[in-house]
Amino acid sequence: MPDSMSEQLRQDMQCEGLLECFHGLKQLDKDVFRVLVEVEEPQTVDEIAERVDRERSTAYRAVQRLIQAGFIQKEQVNYDQGGYYHVYRPTDPSKIADNMQRLLNDWYAKMGQLIQEFETKYEDETSIQSADA
């Protein structure tokens, strides 16, 4: 991952890079997300772990990061005799895109505020130095 914004802008970024850029997701997280997008039905953690060739606990941590980022949804499936288990499916891409757009807008507003603070701070210091000269 590039260190500066100018490096990021020079980089040939693809849409999957947004998952890392916006949410700090790891390669395994992206692999799990891709699996869930490619399959027709919601998957259990065991099924996900098998598809990404990882231990169940490792796959579960990736699933939790994806839930927290809003990329996947957890659903409860009830057994007829009682009890339940969870399956996971991807969130609607338009909802993910809307969330990323909101994050970008928030980031843009914050950066604009910081740029204004920078300008004000150093404009004041430059004025003081000019007056002292």
Protein backbone atom coordinates (compact mmCIF):
# COMPACT_ATOMS: atom_id res chain seq x y z
CA MET A 1 0.00 0.00 0.00
CA PRO A 2 1.46 3.39 -0.96
CA ASP A 3 2.36 5.74 1.87
CA SER A 4 1.22 9.05 0.41
CA MET A 5 -1.81 10.30 -1.46
CA SER A 6 0.32 11.29 -4.47
CA GLU A 7 1.67 7.71 -4.60
CA GLN A 8 -1.88 6.36 -4.46
CA LEU A 9 -2.94 8.60 -7.33
CA ARG A 10 0.00 7.42 -9.46
CA GLN A 11 -0.79 3.77 -8.72
CA ASP A 12 -2.94 1.76 -11.13
CA MET A 13 -5.71 1.03 -8.63
CA GLN A 14 -8.49 -1.43 -9.38
CA CYS A 15 -11.91 -1.60 -7.75
CA GLU A 16 -10.83 -4.37 -5.34
CA GLY A 17 -8.21 -1.91 -4.08
CA LEU A 18 -11.06 0.12 -2.63
CA LEU A 19 -11.68 -2.60 -0.07
CA GLU A 20 -8.16 -2.15 1.24
CA CYS A 21 -8.04 1.61 0.79
CA PHE A 22 -11.35 2.44 2.48
CA HIS A 23 -11.48 -0.26 5.13
CA GLY A 24 -7.95 -1.63 5.56
CA LEU A 25 -9.08 -5.12 4.57
CA LYS A 26 -6.48 -7.85 4.15
CA GLN A 27 -6.01 -10.17 1.19
CA LEU A 28 -7.87 -12.94 3.03
CA ASP A 29 -10.80 -10.59 3.63
CA LYS A 30 -10.93 -9.80 -0.09
CA ASP A 31 -10.73 -13.54 -0.90
CA VAL A 32 -13.64 -14.30 1.45
CA PHE A 33 -15.69 -11.47 -0.04
CA ARG A 34 -14.97 -12.73 -3.56
CA VAL A 35 -16.06 -16.26 -2.57
CA LEU A 36 -19.34 -14.96 -1.20
CA VAL A 37 -19.98 -12.92 -4.34
CA GLU A 38 -19.21 -15.86 -6.65
CA VAL A 39 -21.40 -18.49 -4.96
CA GLU A 40 -25.16 -18.57 -5.44
CA GLU A 41 -26.18 -19.26 -1.83
CA PRO A 42 -25.21 -17.88 1.57
CA GLN A 43 -22.31 -19.79 3.12
CA THR A 44 -21.41 -20.98 6.62
CA VAL A 45 -18.01 -20.17 8.09
CA ASP A 46 -17.02 -23.81 7.55
CA GLU A 47 -17.91 -23.59 3.85
CA ILE A 48 -16.05 -20.30 3.52
CA ALA A 49 -12.98 -21.72 5.28
CA GLU A 50 -12.92 -24.67 2.91
CA ARG A 51 -13.21 -22.45 -0.17
CA VAL A 52 -10.35 -20.16 0.91
CA ASP A 53 -8.29 -23.09 2.26
CA ARG A 54 -7.91 -21.68 5.77
CA GLU A 55 -8.69 -22.79 9.29
CA ARG A 56 -12.21 -22.08 10.52
CA SER A 57 -11.01 -19.58 13.14
CA THR A 58 -8.99 -17.64 10.53
CA ALA A 59 -11.95 -17.53 8.14
CA TYR A 60 -14.22 -16.46 11.02
CA ARG A 61 -11.98 -13.46 11.81
CA ALA A 62 -12.11 -12.39 8.14
CA VAL A 63 -15.90 -12.75 8.17
CA GLN A 64 -16.10 -10.58 11.28
CA ARG A 65 -13.98 -7.85 9.67
CA LEU A 66 -16.22 -7.93 6.59
CA ILE A 67 -19.36 -7.68 8.72
CA GLN A 68 -17.88 -4.75 10.62
CA ALA A 69 -17.00 -3.02 7.34
CA GLY A 70 -20.54 -3.63 6.05
CA PHE A 71 -19.49 -5.83 3.13
CA ILE A 72 -21.38 -8.94 4.20
CA GLN A 73 -24.55 -9.77 6.11
CA LYS A 74 -25.12 -12.45 8.72
CA GLU A 75 -28.35 -14.43 8.66
CA GLN A 76 -29.68 -16.90 11.21
CA VAL A 77 -31.07 -20.20 9.91
CA ASN A 78 -33.30 -22.09 12.36
CA TYR A 79 -33.48 -25.88 12.54
CA ASP A 80 -36.99 -27.38 12.69
CA GLN A 81 -36.09 -29.29 15.88
CA GLY A 82 -34.66 -26.19 17.55
CA GLY A 83 -31.29 -24.54 17.40
CA TYR A 84 -29.78 -22.46 14.63
CA TYR A 85 -26.66 -21.65 12.64
CA HIS A 86 -25.43 -18.61 10.75
CA VAL A 87 -24.81 -18.08 7.06
CA TYR A 88 -23.20 -15.11 5.35
CA ARG A 89 -23.93 -13.33 2.09
CA PRO A 90 -22.56 -10.20 0.43
CA THR A 91 -24.24 -6.87 1.02
CA ASP A 92 -25.90 -5.26 -1.98
CA PRO A 93 -23.11 -3.57 -3.98
CA SER A 94 -25.08 -0.31 -4.22
CA LYS A 95 -25.22 -0.11 -0.40
CA ILE A 96 -21.47 -0.74 -0.20
CA ALA A 97 -20.84 1.93 -2.85
CA ASP A 98 -23.09 4.41 -1.03
CA ASN A 99 -21.19 3.78 2.20
CA MET A 100 -17.83 4.29 0.47
CA GLN A 101 -19.12 7.51 -1.11
CA ARG A 102 -20.18 8.78 2.33
CA LEU A 103 -16.76 7.91 3.73
CA LEU A 104 -15.07 9.69 0.83
CA ASN A 105 -17.24 12.78 1.32
CA ASP A 106 -16.43 12.80 5.06
CA TRP A 107 -12.73 12.37 4.29
CA TYR A 108 -12.84 15.15 1.69
CA ALA A 109 -14.52 17.53 4.17
CA LYS A 110 -11.97 16.67 6.87
CA MET A 111 -9.04 17.20 4.47
CA GLY A 112 -10.51 20.54 3.37
CA GLN A 113 -10.70 21.61 7.02
CA LEU A 114 -7.10 20.54 7.66
CA ILE A 115 -5.88 22.38 4.55
CA GLN A 116 -7.65 25.51 5.72
CA GLU A 117 -6.08 25.17 9.19
CA PHE A 118 -2.67 24.70 7.55
CA GLU A 119 -3.11 27.81 5.43
CA THR A 120 -4.30 29.90 8.37
CA LYS A 121 -1.50 28.73 10.67
CA TYR A 122 1.33 29.31 8.24
CA GLU A 123 -0.16 32.49 6.80
CA ASP A 124 -0.20 33.93 10.33
CA GLU A 125 3.41 32.83 10.96
CA THR A 126 4.56 34.28 7.63
CA SER A 127 2.85 37.58 8.47
CA ILE A 128 4.60 37.67 11.86
CA GLN A 129 7.99 36.95 10.28
CA SER A 130 7.44 39.66 7.62
CA ALA A 131 6.53 42.19 10.30
CA ASP A 132 9.67 41.32 12.29
CA ALA A 133 11.95 41.77 9.28
